[in-house]
């Protein structure tokens, strides 16, 4: 087996471990009984490190792989390898090592994004670099043991800025009204300011952060190409539905984040409207395009992709609606969230097998 294949297998194992540990740990946090693993020490660690596993060990590694593919430098793979190993370290109970690896991963990731920005000095690459810096700040705070109220805004800023940059790149050829790009910069600067302020004042920083998320949702609804492509057919319409649904949850997340900062019991809604409703919706929408680009895995698109998407949104409505004041309903919604993600993974795997059967294993050079 080649060195590249070994790294690929190691990264895949780390990503699966972080995602599985994060999801099962999250279910444990909402009181779900998991009989087969109830006494497993790693599961308890997964509950404690739920956010770090999902946002850094899983998403940070996947984004790092995407950026390493774009950089076309062997050393660029060190960033996702470090974040992937960090997830394993956290599950193994080595918290200090996990924090150090996440800081190293973010430092390498910033260097990769500097390289990409130098190659193409454009608004979206500058924004990607800013998102990398946000991740570095969040990982630094995590490594030194800062409170979650200081760390989480930076981790969410990293993911939200990454998505905003990708949407900016996708729509760069659209004609926008004057001031659209400047308003986006102002919104994301407010997001960073709210994240920084949260370390000193949870209330003031949280209100600014939540308002910035709400403003970003409005900006995306107004200027993103999805509001046009939703009238198309096939994959273009599916992606647009994922995006527009995600933007609605982004608005909910912004309102809930500000409400939580003001003392209302909306923390679960703030975290999971963003983490599941917005970010996972984006992942579902982009998977048919991203997988061919970074893993050379083509997916045969069909209407069945709407099933896990609908399941995700329905389970979120249960969790954040009926479950807002009813903890058992919230737990059931969380379980259905996990099942929706599992269903999407099975759907993607089935679509990959279907594509290979139809095309005889040939890999096209064009994206889906």
Protein backbone atom coordinates (compact mmCIF):
# COMPACT_ATOMS: atom_id res chain seq x y z
CA UNK A 1 0.00 0.00 0.00
CA UNK A 2 1.35 3.44 -0.95
CA UNK A 3 2.01 6.17 1.61
CA UNK A 4 -0.88 8.20 0.16
CA UNK A 5 -3.24 5.25 0.59
CA UNK A 6 -2.09 4.74 4.18
CA UNK A 7 -2.76 8.41 4.97
CA UNK A 8 -6.15 8.16 3.30
CA UNK A 9 -7.16 5.11 5.34
CA UNK A 10 -5.88 6.72 8.55
CA UNK A 11 -7.82 9.92 7.87
CA UNK A 12 -11.01 8.00 7.05
CA UNK A 13 -10.69 6.01 10.30
CA UNK A 14 -10.14 9.18 12.33
CA UNK A 15 -13.09 10.96 10.71
CA UNK A 16 -15.41 8.01 11.36
CA UNK A 17 -14.19 7.72 14.98
CA UNK A 18 -14.78 11.43 15.66
CA UNK A 19 -18.20 11.45 14.03
CA UNK A 20 -19.35 8.27 15.74
CA UNK A 21 -17.97 9.32 19.11
CA UNK A 22 -19.48 12.79 18.76
CA UNK A 23 -22.93 11.54 17.75
CA UNK A 24 -23.15 8.83 20.41
CA UNK A 25 -21.73 11.21 23.00
CA UNK A 26 -24.33 13.77 22.01
CA UNK A 27 -27.11 11.22 22.51
CA UNK A 28 -25.72 10.44 25.93
CA UNK A 29 -25.82 14.14 26.79
CA UNK A 30 -29.58 14.28 26.15
CA UNK A 31 -30.18 11.20 28.29
CA UNK A 32 -30.59 8.54 25.61
CA UNK A 33 -29.90 5.01 26.88
CA UNK A 34 -27.32 3.17 24.78
CA UNK A 35 -27.32 -0.33 26.30
CA UNK A 36 -24.53 -1.92 24.28
CA UNK A 37 -22.03 0.82 25.11
CA UNK A 38 -23.44 2.32 28.30
CA UNK A 39 -20.34 1.44 30.33
CA UNK A 40 -17.77 2.25 27.64
CA UNK A 41 -15.28 4.87 28.84
CA UNK A 42 -14.81 6.26 25.36
CA UNK A 43 -18.53 7.03 25.16
CA UNK A 44 -18.35 9.18 28.28
CA UNK A 45 -15.37 11.00 26.77
CA UNK A 46 -17.38 11.44 23.59
CA UNK A 47 -20.09 13.15 25.62
CA UNK A 48 -17.59 15.47 27.29
CA UNK A 49 -15.82 16.32 24.03
CA UNK A 50 -18.96 16.27 21.84
CA UNK A 51 -18.40 19.70 20.26
CA UNK A 52 -14.66 19.24 19.74
CA UNK A 53 -15.18 15.85 18.11
CA UNK A 54 -17.87 16.98 15.68
CA UNK A 55 -16.62 20.49 14.87
CA UNK A 56 -12.88 19.81 14.84
CA UNK A 57 -12.19 16.08 14.69
CA UNK A 58 -14.83 15.54 12.01
CA UNK A 59 -15.63 18.81 10.20
CA UNK A 60 -12.18 20.36 10.70
CA UNK A 61 -10.55 17.26 9.25
CA UNK A 62 -12.92 17.08 6.26
CA UNK A 63 -12.37 20.77 5.47
CA UNK A 64 -8.62 20.26 5.94
CA UNK A 65 -8.68 17.44 3.38
CA UNK A 66 -10.57 19.64 0.93
CA UNK A 67 -7.99 22.40 1.33
CA UNK A 68 -5.07 19.94 1.08
CA UNK A 69 -6.43 18.70 -2.25
CA UNK A 70 -6.59 22.30 -3.47
CA UNK A 71 -3.06 23.08 -2.22
CA UNK A 72 -1.49 20.08 -4.01
CA UNK A 73 1.33 19.97 -1.47
CA UNK A 74 2.14 16.80 0.53
CA UNK A 75 2.75 18.87 3.67
CA UNK A 76 -0.79 20.27 3.47
CA UNK A 77 -2.08 16.86 4.56
CA UNK A 78 -0.44 17.29 7.95
CA UNK A 79 -3.26 19.63 9.04
CA UNK A 80 -6.16 17.17 8.60
CA UNK A 81 -3.98 14.35 9.90
CA UNK A 82 -3.33 16.30 13.11
CA UNK A 83 -7.00 17.19 13.63
CA UNK A 84 -8.05 13.62 12.88
CA UNK A 85 -5.60 12.25 15.42
CA UNK A 86 -6.80 14.87 17.90
CA UNK A 87 -10.27 13.35 17.79
CA UNK A 88 -8.84 9.91 18.51
CA UNK A 89 -6.77 11.34 21.39
CA UNK A 90 -9.85 12.96 22.93
CA UNK A 91 -11.78 9.70 22.73
CA UNK A 92 -8.84 7.88 24.30
CA UNK A 93 -8.85 10.26 27.26
CA UNK A 94 -5.73 12.24 26.35
CA UNK A 95 -7.25 15.70 26.56
CA UNK A 96 -4.00 17.67 26.68
CA UNK A 97 -2.63 15.80 23.66
CA UNK A 98 -5.89 16.32 21.79
CA UNK A 99 -5.82 20.05 22.50
CA UNK A 100 -2.19 20.30 21.38
CA UNK A 101 -2.91 18.41 18.18
CA UNK A 102 -5.87 20.67 17.40
CA UNK A 103 -3.69 23.75 17.88
CA UNK A 104 -1.02 22.24 15.62
CA UNK A 105 -3.68 21.35 13.03
CA UNK A 106 -5.04 24.90 13.01
CA UNK A 107 -1.54 26.38 12.73
CA UNK A 108 -0.78 24.19 9.71
CA UNK A 109 -4.22 24.95 8.30
CA UNK A 110 -3.57 28.69 8.48
CA UNK A 111 -0.30 28.17 6.57
CA UNK A 112 -2.13 26.20 3.86
CA UNK A 113 -4.69 28.96 3.48
CA UNK A 114 -1.95 31.60 3.26
CA UNK A 115 -0.49 29.59 0.37
CA UNK A 116 -3.88 29.38 -1.38
CA UNK A 117 -4.49 33.10 -0.88
CA UNK A 118 -1.09 33.92 -2.39
CA UNK A 119 -1.95 31.78 -5.40
CA UNK A 120 -5.31 33.48 -5.86
CA UNK A 121 -5.79 36.74 -4.01
CA UNK A 122 -9.58 36.93 -4.17
CA UNK A 123 -12.35 37.81 -1.70
CA UNK A 124 -13.31 34.19 -1.12
CA UNK A 125 -9.72 33.04 -0.46
CA UNK A 126 -9.23 35.96 1.94
CA UNK A 127 -12.39 34.89 3.74
CA UNK A 128 -11.18 31.29 3.87
CA UNK A 129 -7.96 32.52 5.46
CA UNK A 130 -10.00 34.48 8.03
CA UNK A 131 -11.99 31.34 8.81
CA UNK A 132 -8.74 29.44 9.39
CA UNK A 133 -7.60 32.12 11.84
CA UNK A 134 -10.94 31.82 13.66
CA UNK A 135 -10.35 28.08 14.01
CA UNK A 136 -6.84 28.73 15.31
CA UNK A 137 -8.16 31.09 17.99
CA UNK A 138 -10.85 28.62 19.04
CA UNK A 139 -8.36 25.76 19.21
CA UNK A 140 -5.91 27.87 21.20
CA UNK A 141 -8.62 28.67 23.73
CA UNK A 142 -9.62 25.00 23.87
CA UNK A 143 -6.00 23.90 24.38
CA UNK A 144 -5.53 26.24 27.34
CA UNK A 145 -8.79 25.11 28.96
CA UNK A 146 -11.03 28.12 28.29
CA UNK A 147 -14.78 27.88 28.89
CA UNK A 148 -17.07 26.67 26.14
CA UNK A 149 -18.73 30.10 25.99
CA UNK A 150 -15.39 31.47 24.75
CA UNK A 151 -14.46 28.55 22.47
CA UNK A 152 -17.71 27.69 20.69
CA UNK A 153 -18.27 31.08 19.02
CA UNK A 154 -14.85 30.81 17.34
CA UNK A 155 -15.49 27.26 16.18
CA UNK A 156 -18.85 28.26 14.75
CA UNK A 157 -17.26 31.35 13.17
CA UNK A 158 -14.77 29.03 11.45
CA UNK A 159 -17.51 26.87 9.96
CA UNK A 160 -19.88 29.72 9.11
CA UNK A 161 -17.12 31.76 7.43
CA UNK A 162 -16.00 28.71 5.47
CA UNK A 163 -19.51 28.20 4.11
CA UNK A 164 -19.90 31.92 3.37
CA UNK A 165 -16.60 31.88 1.46
CA UNK A 166 -17.68 28.88 -0.60
CA UNK A 167 -21.00 30.52 -1.44
CA UNK A 168 -19.16 33.73 -2.34
CA UNK A 169 -16.96 31.74 -4.72
CA UNK A 170 -19.94 29.92 -6.25
CA UNK A 171 -21.77 33.19 -6.93
CA UNK A 172 -18.80 35.37 -7.88
CA UNK A 173 -20.04 35.69 -11.49
CA UNK A 174 -23.50 36.90 -10.44
CA UNK A 175 -24.31 40.57 -10.78
CA UNK A 176 -24.86 41.95 -7.28
CA UNK A 177 -26.15 45.24 -6.06
CA UNK A 178 -23.50 47.81 -5.08
CA UNK A 179 -22.38 47.31 -1.52
CA UNK A 180 -23.30 43.63 -1.33
CA UNK A 181 -19.72 42.46 -0.79
CA UNK A 182 -18.95 45.27 1.64
CA UNK A 183 -22.04 44.37 3.67
CA UNK A 184 -20.90 40.74 3.82
CA UNK A 185 -17.50 41.81 5.13
CA UNK A 186 -19.20 43.99 7.78
CA UNK A 187 -21.45 41.11 8.86
CA UNK A 188 -18.57 38.66 9.20
CA UNK A 189 -16.45 41.24 11.01
CA UNK A 190 -19.34 41.59 13.48
CA UNK A 191 -19.41 37.81 13.82
CA UNK A 192 -15.71 37.78 14.74
CA UNK A 193 -16.21 40.71 17.11
CA UNK A 194 -19.05 38.86 18.84
CA UNK A 195 -16.88 35.75 19.18
CA UNK A 196 -14.04 37.77 20.71
CA UNK A 197 -16.38 39.70 23.03
CA UNK A 198 -17.95 36.47 24.29
CA UNK A 199 -14.75 35.64 26.18
CA UNK A 200 -15.27 38.76 28.33
CA UNK A 201 -19.05 39.18 28.34
CA UNK A 202 -21.24 36.24 27.42
CA UNK A 203 -24.31 38.44 27.21
CA UNK A 204 -22.97 41.30 25.07
CA UNK A 205 -20.81 39.07 22.89
CA UNK A 206 -23.64 36.58 22.41
CA UNK A 207 -26.09 39.26 21.30
CA UNK A 208 -23.62 40.61 18.72
CA UNK A 209 -22.77 37.09 17.54
CA UNK A 210 -26.43 36.12 17.20
CA UNK A 211 -27.31 39.35 15.39
CA UNK A 212 -24.46 38.73 12.93
CA UNK A 213 -25.75 35.21 12.22
CA UNK A 214 -29.23 36.58 11.60
CA UNK A 215 -27.84 39.27 9.28
CA UNK A 216 -25.82 36.66 7.39
CA UNK A 217 -28.96 34.58 6.86
CA UNK A 218 -30.62 37.66 5.38
CA UNK A 219 -27.62 38.33 3.14
CA UNK A 220 -27.58 34.76 1.83
CA UNK A 221 -31.31 34.78 1.15
CA UNK A 222 -30.91 38.04 -0.76
CA UNK A 223 -27.77 37.38 -2.77
CA UNK A 224 -27.08 33.65 -3.04
CA UNK A 225 -27.69 31.92 -6.36
CA UNK A 226 -29.81 29.26 -4.63
CA UNK A 227 -32.90 31.46 -4.82
CA UNK A 228 -32.64 31.14 -8.62
CA UNK A 229 -31.48 27.54 -8.98
CA UNK A 230 -34.32 26.27 -6.77
CA UNK A 231 -36.46 26.66 -9.91
CA UNK A 232 -34.13 24.36 -11.86
CA UNK A 233 -34.25 20.56 -11.92
CA UNK A 234 -32.23 17.61 -10.67
CA UNK A 235 -29.11 18.17 -8.60
CA UNK A 236 -29.24 21.98 -8.93
CA UNK A 237 -32.69 22.10 -7.34
CA UNK A 238 -31.69 19.67 -4.59
CA UNK A 239 -28.64 21.75 -3.68
CA UNK A 240 -30.76 24.89 -3.63
CA UNK A 241 -33.34 23.29 -1.34
CA UNK A 242 -30.53 22.23 1.04
CA UNK A 243 -29.09 25.73 1.01
CA UNK A 244 -32.33 27.64 1.48
CA UNK A 245 -33.42 25.32 4.28
CA UNK A 246 -30.03 25.81 5.88
CA UNK A 247 -30.34 29.59 5.69
CA UNK A 248 -33.68 29.41 7.50
CA UNK A 249 -32.04 27.42 10.32
CA UNK A 250 -29.16 29.91 10.34
CA UNK A 251 -31.69 32.65 11.10
CA UNK A 252 -33.23 30.53 13.85
CA UNK A 253 -29.77 29.86 15.26
CA UNK A 254 -28.95 33.57 15.30
CA UNK A 255 -32.15 34.44 17.16
CA UNK A 256 -31.64 31.56 19.61
CA UNK A 257 -28.01 32.52 20.20
CA UNK A 258 -28.98 36.08 21.10
CA UNK A 259 -31.87 34.81 23.25
CA UNK A 260 -29.52 32.49 25.13
CA UNK A 261 -27.15 35.38 25.78
CA UNK A 262 -30.07 37.30 27.29
CA UNK A 263 -30.82 34.46 29.69
CA UNK A 264 -33.56 32.55 27.87
CA UNK A 265 -33.36 28.71 27.76
CA UNK A 266 -32.53 28.48 24.05
CA UNK A 267 -29.00 27.03 24.15
CA UNK A 268 -29.92 23.71 22.51
CA UNK A 269 -31.73 25.57 19.74
CA UNK A 270 -28.79 27.93 19.22
CA UNK A 271 -26.20 25.16 18.95
CA UNK A 272 -28.17 22.67 16.89
CA UNK A 273 -30.08 25.00 14.59
CA UNK A 274 -26.58 26.07 13.55
CA UNK A 275 -24.73 22.77 13.79
CA UNK A 276 -27.40 20.53 12.29
CA UNK A 277 -29.91 22.77 10.53
CA UNK A 278 -27.36 25.00 8.83
CA UNK A 279 -24.03 23.17 8.65
CA UNK A 280 -25.27 19.61 8.05
CA UNK A 281 -27.76 20.90 5.46
CA UNK A 282 -24.81 22.50 3.66
CA UNK A 283 -22.92 19.21 3.81
CA UNK A 284 -25.86 17.29 2.37
CA UNK A 285 -26.19 19.79 -0.43
CA UNK A 286 -22.52 19.90 -1.37
CA UNK A 287 -21.69 16.20 -0.94
CA UNK A 288 -22.49 15.23 -4.57
CA UNK A 289 -19.97 17.87 -5.72
CA UNK A 290 -17.35 17.69 -2.97
CA UNK A 291 -16.92 13.90 -2.87
CA UNK A 292 -15.86 13.65 -6.53
CA UNK A 293 -13.40 16.50 -5.99
CA UNK A 294 -11.66 15.29 -2.83
CA UNK A 295 -12.25 11.53 -2.78
CA UNK A 296 -12.87 10.71 -6.44
CA UNK A 297 -16.17 9.14 -5.46
CA UNK A 298 -19.01 9.90 -7.87
CA UNK A 299 -22.62 9.75 -6.71
CA UNK A 300 -25.58 8.87 -8.89
CA UNK A 301 -28.06 11.57 -7.95
CA UNK A 302 -31.74 10.80 -7.57
CA UNK A 303 -34.83 11.92 -5.72
CA UNK A 304 -33.95 9.58 -2.85
CA UNK A 305 -31.47 12.23 -1.62
CA UNK A 306 -34.44 14.25 -0.42
CA UNK A 307 -35.39 11.54 2.12
CA UNK A 308 -32.53 12.07 4.64
CA UNK A 309 -32.79 15.83 4.09
CA UNK A 310 -36.49 15.79 4.98
CA UNK A 311 -35.73 13.52 7.93
CA UNK A 312 -33.11 15.96 9.22
CA UNK A 313 -35.42 18.97 9.09
CA UNK A 314 -38.38 17.07 10.55
CA UNK A 315 -36.28 15.77 13.43
CA UNK A 316 -34.99 19.27 14.11
CA UNK A 317 -38.52 20.62 14.21
CA UNK A 318 -39.34 17.94 16.79
CA UNK A 319 -36.20 18.60 18.83
CA UNK A 320 -36.34 22.38 18.81
CA UNK A 321 -40.11 22.78 18.63
CA UNK A 322 -41.88 20.21 20.80
CA UNK A 323 -38.60 19.58 22.61
CA UNK A 324 -38.06 23.21 23.57
CA UNK A 325 -39.92 22.77 26.85
CA UNK A 326 -40.15 18.97 26.93
CA UNK A 327 -36.85 17.18 27.53
CA UNK A 328 -38.07 13.67 26.49
CA UNK A 329 -39.20 15.07 23.13
CA UNK A 330 -35.87 16.80 22.79
CA UNK A 331 -34.09 13.49 23.35
CA UNK A 332 -36.28 11.76 20.75
CA UNK A 333 -35.54 14.55 18.31
CA UNK A 334 -31.80 14.13 18.95
CA UNK A 335 -32.06 10.40 18.25
CA UNK A 336 -33.87 11.12 14.98
CA UNK A 337 -31.18 13.71 14.13
CA UNK A 338 -28.58 10.94 14.42
CA UNK A 339 -30.68 8.54 12.35
CA UNK A 340 -31.10 11.19 9.63
CA UNK A 341 -27.32 11.60 9.40
CA UNK A 342 -26.89 7.80 9.27
CA UNK A 343 -29.55 7.63 6.55
CA UNK A 344 -27.69 10.23 4.52
CA UNK A 345 -24.44 8.25 4.85
CA UNK A 346 -26.23 5.13 3.61
CA UNK A 347 -27.83 7.11 0.78
CA UNK A 348 -24.46 8.47 -0.33
CA UNK A 349 -22.89 5.00 -0.17
CA UNK A 350 -25.74 3.55 -2.20
CA UNK A 351 -25.47 6.36 -4.75
CA UNK A 352 -21.73 5.71 -5.11
CA UNK A 353 -22.33 1.99 -5.71
CA UNK A 354 -25.10 2.78 -8.19
CA UNK A 355 -22.82 5.16 -10.12
CA UNK A 356 -20.04 2.58 -10.34
CA UNK A 357 -22.44 -0.07 -11.58
CA UNK A 358 -23.86 2.24 -14.21
CA UNK A 359 -20.50 3.58 -15.40
CA UNK A 360 -18.30 0.57 -14.84
CA UNK A 361 -16.05 2.25 -12.24
CA UNK A 362 -14.95 5.04 -14.58
CA UNK A 363 -14.20 8.37 -12.85
CA UNK A 364 -15.25 11.49 -14.67
CA UNK A 365 -13.09 14.57 -14.43
CA UNK A 366 -16.10 16.84 -14.17
CA UNK A 367 -17.99 17.50 -10.96
CA UNK A 368 -21.57 16.40 -10.48
